[in-house]
Structure formats: C-alpha cells, structure tokens
C-alpha cells in the first residue's frame, strides 16, 4: 500500500513539472526574441546619447533636425534651420546622431 502511494506521488510530481514545461519554454523564447534585443537597443541608444559632442547633427524624437551648440548634463541647445533658431531640448529626446564618428582602432 505504501509503495503504491509513493509511486502515485512521484507520478503526480512529474505530471505537475511536465505541465509547467511549456510555460517555461514560452518564457525562454520570449526572452531571446523580445526582451534581450530590446535591452541591447536601449544600451546602444544610451551610449549614443552619452557620446554626443558639440557640432553633431541630431534628429529629435519629434523629427526636429539641428546642430548641437551647447551641452549640459541633461539638456542640449540646438540650432535649427537657416534662420539659426535655437531650441533647448532634453537629452532623452534625441533619436539619432547623423554625424559620423570614427571609432578608435583596437589596440593589439
């Protein structure tokens, strides 16, 4: 009688683990297809925003194109258009840096 109860308990535990296996598998797939690439993009964007320099041409999230003329910790002053209008924007509002920067060659 005790042997039958132990076998039934082991089968129940194995059945419970097998029912959670698809859920765990779906989470792993979501991590590699959605979460990991998004974190990589966020890291690249943060790196781009921290490596901005005066004179870089940028595009804001709103689509404004301008050249950086002054920088502070969390804001930038950009110059737009031929009328030389100046706009102060937050650093997080920068979407893209159009100025190509040469990467330093790797030291061997």
PDB file of N, CA and C in Angstrom:
ATOM      1  N   UNK A   1       0.823  -1.186   0.000  1.00  0.00           N
ATOM      2  CA  UNK A   1       0.000   0.000   0.000  1.00  0.00           C
ATOM      3  C   UNK A   1       0.873   1.258   0.000  1.00  0.00           C
ATOM      4  N   UNK A   2       1.910   1.299   0.829  1.00  0.00           N
ATOM      5  CA  UNK A   2       2.803   2.436   0.878  1.00  0.00           C
ATOM      6  C   UNK A   2       3.572   2.588  -0.422  1.00  0.00           C
ATOM      7  N   UNK A   3       3.934   1.488  -1.048  1.00  0.00           N
ATOM      8  CA  UNK A   3       4.654   1.527  -2.314  1.00  0.00           C
ATOM      9  C   UNK A   3       3.784   2.132  -3.407  1.00  0.00           C
ATOM     10  N   UNK A   4       2.503   1.836  -3.416  1.00  0.00           N
ATOM     11  CA  UNK A   4       1.590   2.403  -4.404  1.00  0.00           C
ATOM     12  C   UNK A   4       1.413   3.911  -4.177  1.00  0.00           C
ATOM     13  N   UNK A   5       1.362   4.339  -2.909  1.00  0.00           N
ATOM     14  CA  UNK A   5       1.226   5.762  -2.611  1.00  0.00           C
ATOM     15  C   UNK A   5       2.470   6.537  -3.050  1.00  0.00           C
ATOM     16  N   UNK A   6       3.662   5.990  -2.832  1.00  0.00           N
ATOM     17  CA  UNK A   6       4.898   6.644  -3.230  1.00  0.00           C
ATOM     18  C   UNK A   6       4.988   6.758  -4.744  1.00  0.00           C
ATOM     19  N   UNK A   7       4.588   5.714  -5.457  1.00  0.00           N
ATOM     20  CA  UNK A   7       4.611   5.736  -6.924  1.00  0.00           C
ATOM     21  C   UNK A   7       3.612   6.757  -7.454  1.00  0.00           C
ATOM     22  N   UNK A   8       2.453   6.839  -6.869  1.00  0.00           N
ATOM     23  CA  UNK A   8       1.436   7.794  -7.288  1.00  0.00           C
ATOM     24  C   UNK A   8       1.901   9.226  -7.024  1.00  0.00           C
ATOM     25  N   UNK A   9       2.592   9.445  -5.918  1.00  0.00           N
ATOM     26  CA  UNK A   9       3.101  10.772  -5.597  1.00  0.00           C
ATOM     27  C   UNK A   9       4.170  11.200  -6.594  1.00  0.00           C
ATOM     28  N   UNK A  10       5.062  10.291  -6.971  1.00  0.00           N
ATOM     29  CA  UNK A  10       6.106  10.600  -7.945  1.00  0.00           C
ATOM     30  C   UNK A  10       5.498  10.887  -9.313  1.00  0.00           C
ATOM     31  N   UNK A  11       4.480  10.144  -9.698  1.00  0.00           N
ATOM     32  CA  UNK A  11       3.819  10.378 -10.976  1.00  0.00           C
ATOM     33  C   UNK A  11       3.098  11.720 -10.962  1.00  0.00           C
ATOM     34  N   UNK A  12       2.514  12.083  -9.857  1.00  0.00           N
ATOM     35  CA  UNK A  12       1.844  13.376  -9.743  1.00  0.00           C
ATOM     36  C   UNK A  12       2.821  14.533  -9.833  1.00  0.00           C
ATOM     37  N   UNK A  13       3.994  14.388  -9.216  1.00  0.00           N
ATOM     38  CA  UNK A  13       5.024  15.422  -9.267  1.00  0.00           C
ATOM     39  C   UNK A  13       5.562  15.570 -10.685  1.00  0.00           C
ATOM     40  N   UNK A  14       5.802  14.459 -11.345  1.00  0.00           N
ATOM     41  CA  UNK A  14       6.295  14.501 -12.721  1.00  0.00           C
ATOM     42  C   UNK A  14       5.248  15.130 -13.640  1.00  0.00           C
ATOM     43  N   UNK A  15       3.983  14.826 -13.413  1.00  0.00           N
ATOM     44  CA  UNK A  15       2.914  15.424 -14.218  1.00  0.00           C
ATOM     45  C   UNK A  15       2.823  16.924 -14.013  1.00  0.00           C
ATOM     46  N   UNK A  16       3.019  17.370 -12.791  1.00  0.00           N
ATOM     47  CA  UNK A  16       2.995  18.805 -12.495  1.00  0.00           C
ATOM     48  C   UNK A  16       4.158  19.518 -13.176  1.00  0.00           C
ATOM     49  N   UNK A  17       5.343  18.926 -13.107  1.00  0.00           N
ATOM     50  CA  UNK A  17       6.505  19.518 -13.772  1.00  0.00           C
ATOM     51  C   UNK A  17       6.309  19.559 -15.283  1.00  0.00           C
ATOM     52  N   UNK A  18       5.735  18.531 -15.849  1.00  0.00           N
ATOM     53  CA  UNK A  18       5.503  18.499 -17.294  1.00  0.00           C
ATOM     54  C   UNK A  18       4.459  19.533 -17.721  1.00  0.00           C
ATOM     55  N   UNK A  19       3.536  19.879 -16.834  1.00  0.00           N
ATOM     56  CA  UNK A  19       2.540  20.895 -17.184  1.00  0.00           C
ATOM     57  C   UNK A  19       3.145  22.303 -17.172  1.00  0.00           C
ATOM     58  N   UNK A  20       4.204  22.532 -16.376  1.00  0.00           N
ATOM     59  CA  UNK A  20       4.871  23.836 -16.343  1.00  0.00           C
ATOM     60  C   UNK A  20       5.941  23.980 -17.432  1.00  0.00           C
ATOM     61  N   UNK A  21       6.357  22.887 -18.022  1.00  0.00           N
ATOM     62  CA  UNK A  21       7.416  22.930 -19.028  1.00  0.00           C
ATOM     63  C   UNK A  21       7.064  23.817 -20.225  1.00  0.00           C
ATOM     64  N   UNK A  22       5.855  23.751 -20.804  1.00  0.00           N
ATOM     65  CA  UNK A  22       5.539  24.667 -21.916  1.00  0.00           C
ATOM     66  C   UNK A  22       5.566  26.143 -21.506  1.00  0.00           C
ATOM     67  N   UNK A  23       5.136  26.437 -20.290  1.00  0.00           N
ATOM     68  CA  UNK A  23       5.149  27.816 -19.805  1.00  0.00           C
ATOM     69  C   UNK A  23       6.586  28.336 -19.680  1.00  0.00           C
ATOM     70  N   UNK A  24       7.467  27.527 -19.146  1.00  0.00           N
ATOM     71  CA  UNK A  24       8.875  27.899 -19.022  1.00  0.00           C
ATOM     72  C   UNK A  24       9.494  28.055 -20.402  1.00  0.00           C
ATOM     73  N   UNK A  25       9.174  27.163 -21.315  1.00  0.00           N
ATOM     74  CA  UNK A  25       9.697  27.227 -22.676  1.00  0.00           C
ATOM     75  C   UNK A  25       9.235  28.499 -23.383  1.00  0.00           C
ATOM     76  N   UNK A  26       7.997  28.902 -23.202  1.00  0.00           N
ATOM     77  CA  UNK A  26       7.484  30.138 -23.807  1.00  0.00           C
ATOM     78  C   UNK A  26       8.217  31.351 -23.229  1.00  0.00           C
ATOM     79  N   UNK A  27       8.476  31.363 -21.922  1.00  0.00           N
ATOM     80  CA  UNK A  27       9.199  32.466 -21.312  1.00  0.00           C
ATOM     81  C   UNK A  27      10.614  32.579 -21.875  1.00  0.00           C
ATOM     82  N   UNK A  28      11.289  31.456 -22.050  1.00  0.00           N
ATOM     83  CA  UNK A  28      12.651  31.459 -22.602  1.00  0.00           C
ATOM     84  C   UNK A  28      12.637  31.987 -24.032  1.00  0.00           C
ATOM     85  N   UNK A  29      11.676  31.591 -24.825  1.00  0.00           N
ATOM     86  CA  UNK A  29      11.563  32.070 -26.212  1.00  0.00           C
ATOM     87  C   UNK A  29      11.311  33.579 -26.230  1.00  0.00           C
ATOM     88  N   UNK A  30      10.398  34.061 -25.393  1.00  0.00           N
ATOM     89  CA  UNK A  30      10.132  35.496 -25.314  1.00  0.00           C
ATOM     90  C   UNK A  30      11.376  36.271 -24.901  1.00  0.00           C
ATOM     91  N   UNK A  31      12.152  35.711 -23.976  1.00  0.00           N
ATOM     92  CA  UNK A  31      13.352  36.401 -23.528  1.00  0.00           C
ATOM     93  C   UNK A  31      14.320  36.592 -24.692  1.00  0.00           C
ATOM     94  N   UNK A  32      14.579  35.541 -25.452  1.00  0.00           N
ATOM     95  CA  UNK A  32      15.562  35.643 -26.530  1.00  0.00           C
ATOM     96  C   UNK A  32      15.043  36.387 -27.752  1.00  0.00           C
ATOM     97  N   UNK A  33      13.741  36.403 -27.983  1.00  0.00           N
ATOM     98  CA  UNK A  33      13.201  37.077 -29.163  1.00  0.00           C
ATOM     99  C   UNK A  33      12.771  38.514 -28.905  1.00  0.00           C
ATOM    100  N   UNK A  34      12.383  38.847 -27.685  1.00  0.00           N
ATOM    101  CA  UNK A  34      11.852  40.185 -27.414  1.00  0.00           C
ATOM    102  C   UNK A  34      12.652  40.980 -26.389  1.00  0.00           C
ATOM    103  N   UNK A  35      12.888  40.427 -25.244  1.00  0.00           N
ATOM    104  CA  UNK A  35      13.472  41.186 -24.144  1.00  0.00           C
ATOM    105  C   UNK A  35      14.947  41.486 -24.387  1.00  0.00           C
ATOM    106  N   UNK A  36      15.713  40.488 -24.762  1.00  0.00           N
ATOM    107  CA  UNK A  36      17.161  40.672 -24.952  1.00  0.00           C
ATOM    108  C   UNK A  36      17.484  41.672 -26.062  1.00  0.00           C
ATOM    109  N   UNK A  37      16.866  41.574 -27.258  1.00  0.00           N
ATOM    110  CA  UNK A  37      17.161  42.581 -28.291  1.00  0.00           C
ATOM    111  C   UNK A  37      16.749  43.995 -27.885  1.00  0.00           C
ATOM    112  N   UNK A  38      15.653  44.131 -27.150  1.00  0.00           N
ATOM    113  CA  UNK A  38      15.211  45.453 -26.707  1.00  0.00           C
ATOM    114  C   UNK A  38      16.223  46.069 -25.750  1.00  0.00           C
ATOM    115  N   UNK A  39      16.752  45.280 -24.837  1.00  0.00           N
ATOM    116  CA  UNK A  39      17.759  45.801 -23.905  1.00  0.00           C
ATOM    117  C   UNK A  39      19.024  46.190 -24.649  1.00  0.00           C
ATOM    118  N   UNK A  40      19.381  45.442 -25.695  1.00  0.00           N
ATOM    119  CA  UNK A  40      20.563  45.770 -26.489  1.00  0.00           C
ATOM    120  C   UNK A  40      20.370  47.107 -27.201  1.00  0.00           C
ATOM    121  N   UNK A  41      19.172  47.328 -27.782  1.00  0.00           N
ATOM    122  CA  UNK A  41      18.874  48.599 -28.440  1.00  0.00           C
ATOM    123  C   UNK A  41      18.908  49.761 -27.453  1.00  0.00           C
ATOM    124  N   UNK A  42      18.357  49.566 -26.269  1.00  0.00           N
ATOM    125  CA  UNK A  42      18.374  50.615 -25.244  1.00  0.00           C
ATOM    126  C   UNK A  42      19.805  50.968 -24.838  1.00  0.00           C
ATOM    127  N   UNK A  43      20.657  49.963 -24.727  1.00  0.00           N
ATOM    128  CA  UNK A  43      22.049  50.193 -24.370  1.00  0.00           C
ATOM    129  C   UNK A  43      22.768  50.988 -25.460  1.00  0.00           C
ATOM    130  N   UNK A  44      22.521  50.659 -26.736  1.00  0.00           N
ATOM    131  CA  UNK A  44      23.134  51.383 -27.851  1.00  0.00           C
ATOM    132  C   UNK A  44      22.652  52.831 -27.891  1.00  0.00           C
ATOM    133  N   UNK A  45      21.366  53.045 -27.665  1.00  0.00           N
ATOM    134  CA  UNK A  45      20.803  54.397 -27.663  1.00  0.00           C
ATOM    135  C   UNK A  45      21.394  55.219 -26.528  1.00  0.00           C
ATOM    136  N   UNK A  46      21.515  54.633 -25.350  1.00  0.00           N
ATOM    137  CA  UNK A  46      22.094  55.334 -24.209  1.00  0.00           C
ATOM    138  C   UNK A  46      23.549  55.690 -24.484  1.00  0.00           C
ATOM    139  N   UNK A  47      24.273  54.784 -25.119  1.00  0.00           N
ATOM    140  CA  UNK A  47      25.670  55.050 -25.466  1.00  0.00           C
ATOM    141  C   UNK A  47      25.772  56.200 -26.468  1.00  0.00           C
ATOM    142  N   UNK A  48      24.881  56.206 -27.473  1.00  0.00           N
ATOM    143  CA  UNK A  48      24.879  57.276 -28.471  1.00  0.00           C
ATOM    144  C   UNK A  48      24.605  58.624 -27.808  1.00  0.00           C
ATOM    145  N   UNK A  49      23.648  58.670 -26.891  1.00  0.00           N
ATOM    146  CA  UNK A  49      23.298  59.921 -26.221  1.00  0.00           C
ATOM    147  C   UNK A  49      24.417  60.417 -25.312  1.00  0.00           C
ATOM    148  N   UNK A  50      25.159  59.501 -24.719  1.00  0.00           N
ATOM    149  CA  UNK A  50      26.235  59.938 -23.823  1.00  0.00           C
ATOM    150  C   UNK A  50      27.491  60.348 -24.588  1.00  0.00           C
ATOM    151  N   UNK A  51      27.630  59.952 -25.856  1.00  0.00           N
ATOM    152  CA  UNK A  51      28.814  60.279 -26.651  1.00  0.00           C
ATOM    153  C   UNK A  51      28.597  61.448 -27.606  1.00  0.00           C
ATOM    154  N   UNK A  52      27.553  62.243 -27.391  1.00  0.00           N
ATOM    155  CA  UNK A  52      27.308  63.404 -28.240  1.00  0.00           C
ATOM    156  C   UNK A  52      28.359  64.478 -27.996  1.00  0.00           C
ATOM    157  N   UNK A  53      28.652  65.255 -29.036  1.00  0.00           N
ATOM    158  CA  UNK A  53      29.625  66.330 -28.941  1.00  0.00           C
ATOM    159  C   UNK A  53      29.032  67.595 -29.563  1.00  0.00           C
ATOM    160  N   UNK A  54      29.593  68.739 -29.197  1.00  0.00           N
ATOM    161  CA  UNK A  54      29.175  69.998 -29.801  1.00  0.00           C
ATOM    162  C   UNK A  54      29.520  69.938 -31.287  1.00  0.00           C
ATOM    163  N   UNK A  55      28.574  70.336 -32.141  1.00  0.00           N
ATOM    164  CA  UNK A  55      28.772  70.300 -33.584  1.00  0.00           C
ATOM    165  C   UNK A  55      28.109  69.111 -34.255  1.00  0.00           C
ATOM    166  N   UNK A  56      27.642  68.136 -33.490  1.00  0.00           N
ATOM    167  CA  UNK A  56      26.961  66.976 -34.072  1.00  0.00           C
ATOM    168  C   UNK A  56      25.583  67.365 -34.584  1.00  0.00           C
ATOM    169  N   UNK A  57      25.204  66.790 -35.725  1.00  0.00           N
ATOM    170  CA  UNK A  57      23.856  66.992 -36.253  1.00  0.00           C
ATOM    171  C   UNK A  57      22.985  65.868 -35.720  1.00  0.00           C
ATOM    172  N   UNK A  58      21.854  66.222 -35.107  1.00  0.00           N
ATOM    173  CA  UNK A  58      20.987  65.243 -34.471  1.00  0.00           C
ATOM    174  C   UNK A  58      19.561  65.355 -34.992  1.00  0.00           C
ATOM    175  N   UNK A  59      18.795  64.307 -34.755  1.00  0.00           N
ATOM    176  CA  UNK A  59      17.354  64.299 -35.019  1.00  0.00           C
ATOM    177  C   UNK A  59      16.674  63.968 -33.701  1.00  0.00           C
ATOM    178  N   UNK A  60      15.680  64.776 -33.335  1.00  0.00           N
ATOM    179  CA  UNK A  60      14.945  64.531 -32.092  1.00  0.00           C
ATOM    180  C   UNK A  60      13.825  63.529 -32.345  1.00  0.00           C
ATOM    181  N   UNK A  61      13.220  63.082 -31.268  1.00  0.00           N
ATOM    182  CA  UNK A  61      12.105  62.149 -31.368  1.00  0.00           C
ATOM    183  C   UNK A  61      10.955  62.782 -32.143  1.00  0.00           C
ATOM    184  N   UNK A  62      10.789  64.096 -32.037  1.00  0.00           N
ATOM    185  CA  UNK A  62       9.727  64.804 -32.741  1.00  0.00           C
ATOM    186  C   UNK A  62      10.040  65.099 -34.200  1.00  0.00           C
ATOM    187  N   UNK A  63      11.267  64.774 -34.649  1.00  0.00           N
ATOM    188  CA  UNK A  63      11.627  64.975 -36.039  1.00  0.00           C
ATOM    189  C   UNK A  63      12.363  66.271 -36.322  1.00  0.00           C
ATOM    190  N   UNK A  64      12.724  67.024 -35.299  1.00  0.00           N
ATOM    191  CA  UNK A  64      13.455  68.273 -35.484  1.00  0.00           C
ATOM    192  C   UNK A  64      14.922  67.937 -35.741  1.00  0.00           C
ATOM    193  N   UNK A  65      15.479  68.520 -36.806  1.00  0.00           N
ATOM    194  CA  UNK A  65      16.881  68.303 -37.146  1.00  0.00           C
ATOM    195  C   UNK A  65      17.654  69.551 -36.766  1.00  0.00           C
ATOM    196  N   UNK A  66      18.766  69.373 -36.064  1.00  0.00           N
ATOM    197  CA  UNK A  66      19.543  70.526 -35.643  1.00  0.00           C
ATOM    198  C   UNK A  66      20.974  70.157 -35.323  1.00  0.00           C
ATOM    199  N   UNK A  67      21.768  71.181 -35.054  1.00  0.00           N
ATOM    200  CA  UNK A  67      23.177  71.020 -34.707  1.00  0.00           C
ATOM    201  C   UNK A  67      23.372  71.446 -33.256  1.00  0.00           C
ATOM    202  N   UNK A  68      24.086  70.632 -32.496  1.00  0.00           N
ATOM    203  CA  UNK A  68      24.323  70.932 -31.078  1.00  0.00           C
ATOM    204  C   UNK A  68      25.288  72.112 -30.976  1.00  0.00           C
ATOM    205  N   UNK A  69      24.889  73.137 -30.197  1.00  0.00           N
ATOM    206  CA  UNK A  69      25.792  74.276 -29.991  1.00  0.00           C
ATOM    207  C   UNK A  69      26.201  74.414 -28.528  1.00  0.00           C
ATOM    208  N   UNK A  70      25.462  73.762 -27.619  1.00  0.00           N
ATOM    209  CA  UNK A  70      25.802  73.831 -26.203  1.00  0.00           C
ATOM    210  C   UNK A  70      25.234  72.594 -25.515  1.00  0.00           C
ATOM    211  N   UNK A  71      25.988  72.085 -24.528  1.00  0.00           N
ATOM    212  CA  UNK A  71      25.542  70.887 -23.813  1.00  0.00           C
ATOM    213  C   UNK A  71      25.607  71.105 -22.312  1.00  0.00           C
ATOM    214  N   UNK A  72      24.628  70.551 -21.613  1.00  0.00           N
ATOM    215  CA  UNK A  72      24.633  70.474 -20.156  1.00  0.00           C
ATOM    216  C   UNK A  72      24.410  69.016 -19.788  1.00  0.00           C
ATOM    217  N   UNK A  73      24.282  68.740 -18.501  1.00  0.00           N
ATOM    218  CA  UNK A  73      24.123  67.355 -18.064  1.00  0.00           C
ATOM    219  C   UNK A  73      22.913  66.677 -18.679  1.00  0.00           C
ATOM    220  N   UNK A  74      21.757  67.322 -18.599  1.00  0.00           N
ATOM    221  CA  UNK A  74      20.535  66.676 -19.065  1.00  0.00           C
ATOM    222  C   UNK A  74      19.821  67.432 -20.176  1.00  0.00           C
ATOM    223  N   UNK A  75      20.421  68.495 -20.693  1.00  0.00           N
ATOM    224  CA  UNK A  75      19.783  69.239 -21.779  1.00  0.00           C
ATOM    225  C   UNK A  75      20.814  69.696 -22.799  1.00  0.00           C
ATOM    226  N   UNK A  76      20.328  69.985 -23.992  1.00  0.00           N
ATOM    227  CA  UNK A  76      21.169  70.450 -25.090  1.00  0.00           C
ATOM    228  C   UNK A  76      20.542  71.685 -25.704  1.00  0.00           C
ATOM    229  N   UNK A  77      21.354  72.553 -26.259  1.00  0.00           N
ATOM    230  CA  UNK A  77      20.877  73.686 -27.026  1.00  0.00           C
ATOM    231  C   UNK A  77      21.246  73.393 -28.472  1.00  0.00           C
ATOM    232  N   UNK A  78      20.214  73.325 -29.338  1.00  0.00           N
ATOM    233  CA  UNK A  78      20.478  73.027 -30.739  1.00  0.00           C
ATOM    234  C   UNK A  78      20.059  74.202 -31.611  1.00  0.00           C
ATOM    235  N   UNK A  79      20.686  74.286 -32.761  1.00  0.00           N
ATOM    236  CA  UNK A  79      20.402  75.329 -33.734  1.00  0.00           C
ATOM    237  C   UNK A  79      19.739  74.655 -34.930  1.00  0.00           C
ATOM    238  N   UNK A  80      18.592  75.186 -35.345  1.00  0.00           N
ATOM    239  CA  UNK A  80      17.847  74.572 -36.437  1.00  0.00           C
ATOM    240  C   UNK A  80      17.640  75.565 -37.567  1.00  0.00           C
ATOM    241  N   UNK A  81      17.541  75.055 -38.770  1.00  0.00           N
ATOM    242  CA  UNK A  81      17.177  75.860 -39.932  1.00  0.00           C
ATOM    243  C   UNK A  81      18.184  76.916 -40.320  1.00  0.00           C
ATOM    244  N   UNK A  82      17.879  77.574 -41.430  1.00  0.00           N
ATOM    245  CA  UNK A  82      18.769  78.614 -41.942  1.00  0.00           C
ATOM    246  C   UNK A  82      18.619  79.922 -41.167  1.00  0.00           C
ATOM    247  N   UNK A  83      17.523  80.076 -40.420  1.00  0.00           N
ATOM    248  CA  UNK A  83      17.319  81.278 -39.609  1.00  0.00           C
ATOM    249  C   UNK A  83      18.083  81.206 -38.291  1.00  0.00           C
ATOM    250  N   UNK A  84      18.755  80.110 -38.055  1.00  0.00           N
ATOM    251  CA  UNK A  84      19.552  79.883 -36.852  1.00  0.00           C
ATOM    252  C   UNK A  84      18.719  79.990 -35.583  1.00  0.00           C
ATOM    253  N   UNK A  85      17.540  79.371 -35.617  1.00  0.00           N
ATOM    254  CA  UNK A  85      16.703  79.311 -34.417  1.00  0.00           C
ATOM    255  C   UNK A  85      17.344  78.372 -33.409  1.00  0.00           C
ATOM    256  N   UNK A  86      17.218  78.703 -32.136  1.00  0.00           N
ATOM    257  CA  UNK A  86      17.804  77.881 -31.090  1.00  0.00           C
ATOM    258  C   UNK A  86      16.690  77.254 -30.262  1.00  0.00           C
ATOM    259  N   UNK A  87      16.876  75.970 -29.960  1.00  0.00           N
ATOM    260  CA  UNK A  87      15.895  75.224 -29.176  1.00  0.00           C
ATOM    261  C   UNK A  87      16.641  74.473 -28.087  1.00  0.00           C
ATOM    262  N   UNK A  88      16.114  74.513 -26.859  1.00  0.00           N
ATOM    263  CA  UNK A  88      16.679  73.711 -25.774  1.00  0.00           C
ATOM    264  C   UNK A  88      15.846  72.436 -25.672  1.00  0.00           C
ATOM    265  N   UNK A  89      16.519  71.304 -25.702  1.00  0.00           N
ATOM    266  CA  UNK A  89      15.827  70.007 -25.622  1.00  0.00           C
ATOM    267  C   UNK A  89      16.465  69.152 -24.537  1.00  0.00           C
ATOM    268  N   UNK A  90      15.720  68.162 -24.091  1.00  0.00           N
ATOM    269  CA  UNK A  90      16.243  67.194 -23.122  1.00  0.00           C
ATOM    270  C   UNK A  90      17.086  66.162 -23.858  1.00  0.00           C
ATOM    271  N   UNK A  91      18.082  65.651 -23.188  1.00  0.00           N
ATOM    272  CA  UNK A  91      18.975  64.669 -23.800  1.00  0.00           C
ATOM    273  C   UNK A  91      18.227  63.391 -24.184  1.00  0.00           C
ATOM    274  N   UNK A  92      17.204  63.001 -23.406  1.00  0.00           N
ATOM    275  CA  UNK A  92      16.466  61.776 -23.710  1.00  0.00           C
ATOM    276  C   UNK A  92      15.638  61.901 -24.976  1.00  0.00           C
ATOM    277  N   UNK A  93      15.436  63.127 -25.477  1.00  0.00           N
ATOM    278  CA  UNK A  93      14.607  63.342 -26.660  1.00  0.00           C
ATOM    279  C   UNK A  93      15.382  63.174 -27.965  1.00  0.00           C
ATOM    280  N   UNK A  94      16.638  62.784 -27.899  1.00  0.00           N
ATOM    281  CA  UNK A  94      17.434  62.599 -29.115  1.00  0.00           C
ATOM    282  C   UNK A  94      17.232  61.182 -29.623  1.00  0.00           C
ATOM    283  N   UNK A  95      16.875  61.098 -30.901  1.00  0.00           N
ATOM    284  CA  UNK A  95      16.626  59.796 -31.508  1.00  0.00           C
ATOM    285  C   UNK A  95      17.842  59.294 -32.278  1.00  0.00           C
ATOM    286  N   UNK A  96      18.531  60.189 -32.964  1.00  0.00           N
ATOM    287  CA  UNK A  96      19.588  59.751 -33.867  1.00  0.00           C
ATOM    288  C   UNK A  96      20.671  60.814 -33.977  1.00  0.00           C
ATOM    289  N   UNK A  97      21.912  60.362 -34.117  1.00  0.00           N
ATOM    290  CA  UNK A  97      23.051  61.249 -34.355  1.00  0.00           C
ATOM    291  C   UNK A  97      23.476  61.043 -35.803  1.00  0.00           C
ATOM    292  N   UNK A  98      23.385  62.091 -36.632  1.00  0.00           N
ATOM    293  CA  UNK A  98      23.717  61.966 -38.053  1.00  0.00           C
ATOM    294  C   UNK A  98      25.183  62.228 -38.357  1.00  0.00           C
ATOM    295  N   UNK A  99      25.955  62.662 -37.368  1.00  0.00           N
ATOM    296  CA  UNK A  99      27.360  62.956 -37.593  1.00  0.00           C
ATOM    297  C   UNK A  99      28.176  61.671 -37.440  1.00  0.00           C
ATOM    298  N   UNK A 100      28.871  61.266 -38.488  1.00  0.00           N
ATOM    299  CA  UNK A 100      29.673  60.042 -38.359  1.00  0.00           C
ATOM    300  C   UNK A 100      30.913  60.294 -37.502  1.00  0.00           C
ATOM    301  N   UNK A 101      31.157  59.409 -36.566  1.00  0.00           N
ATOM    302  CA  UNK A 101      32.351  59.487 -35.734  1.00  0.00           C
ATOM    303  C   UNK A 101      33.189  58.253 -36.018  1.00  0.00           C
ATOM    304  N   UNK A 102      34.483  58.464 -36.157  1.00  0.00           N
ATOM    305  CA  UNK A 102      35.371  57.315 -36.380  1.00  0.00           C
ATOM    306  C   UNK A 102      35.622  56.637 -35.050  1.00  0.00           C
ATOM    307  N   UNK A 103      35.547  55.323 -35.079  1.00  0.00           N
ATOM    308  CA  UNK A 103      35.815  54.562 -33.880  1.00  0.00           C
ATOM    309  C   UNK A 103      37.311  54.386 -33.741  1.00  0.00           C
ATOM    310  N   UNK A 104      37.766  54.418 -32.511  1.00  0.00           N
ATOM    311  CA  UNK A 104      39.198  54.246 -32.267  1.00  0.00           C
ATOM    312  C   UNK A 104      39.600  52.819 -32.621  1.00  0.00           C
ATOM    313  N   UNK A 105      40.731  52.635 -33.319  1.00  0.00           N
ATOM    314  CA  UNK A 105      41.151  51.277 -33.653  1.00  0.00           C
ATOM    315  C   UNK A 105      41.516  50.495 -32.403  1.00  0.00           C
ATOM    316  N   UNK A 106      41.230  49.212 -32.448  1.00  0.00           N
ATOM    317  CA  UNK A 106      41.526  48.351 -31.305  1.00  0.00           C
ATOM    318  C   UNK A 106      43.038  48.181 -31.162  1.00  0.00           C
ATOM    319  N   UNK A 107      43.531  48.334 -29.955  1.00  0.00           N
ATOM    320  CA  UNK A 107      44.958  48.182 -29.678  1.00  0.00           C
ATOM    321  C   UNK A 107      45.244  46.715 -29.437  1.00  0.00           C
ATOM    322  N   UNK A 108      46.248  46.213 -30.156  1.00  0.00           N
ATOM    323  CA  UNK A 108      46.565  44.780 -30.005  1.00  0.00           C
ATOM    324  C   UNK A 108      47.622  44.556 -28.984  1.00  0.00           C
TER     325      UNK A 108
END
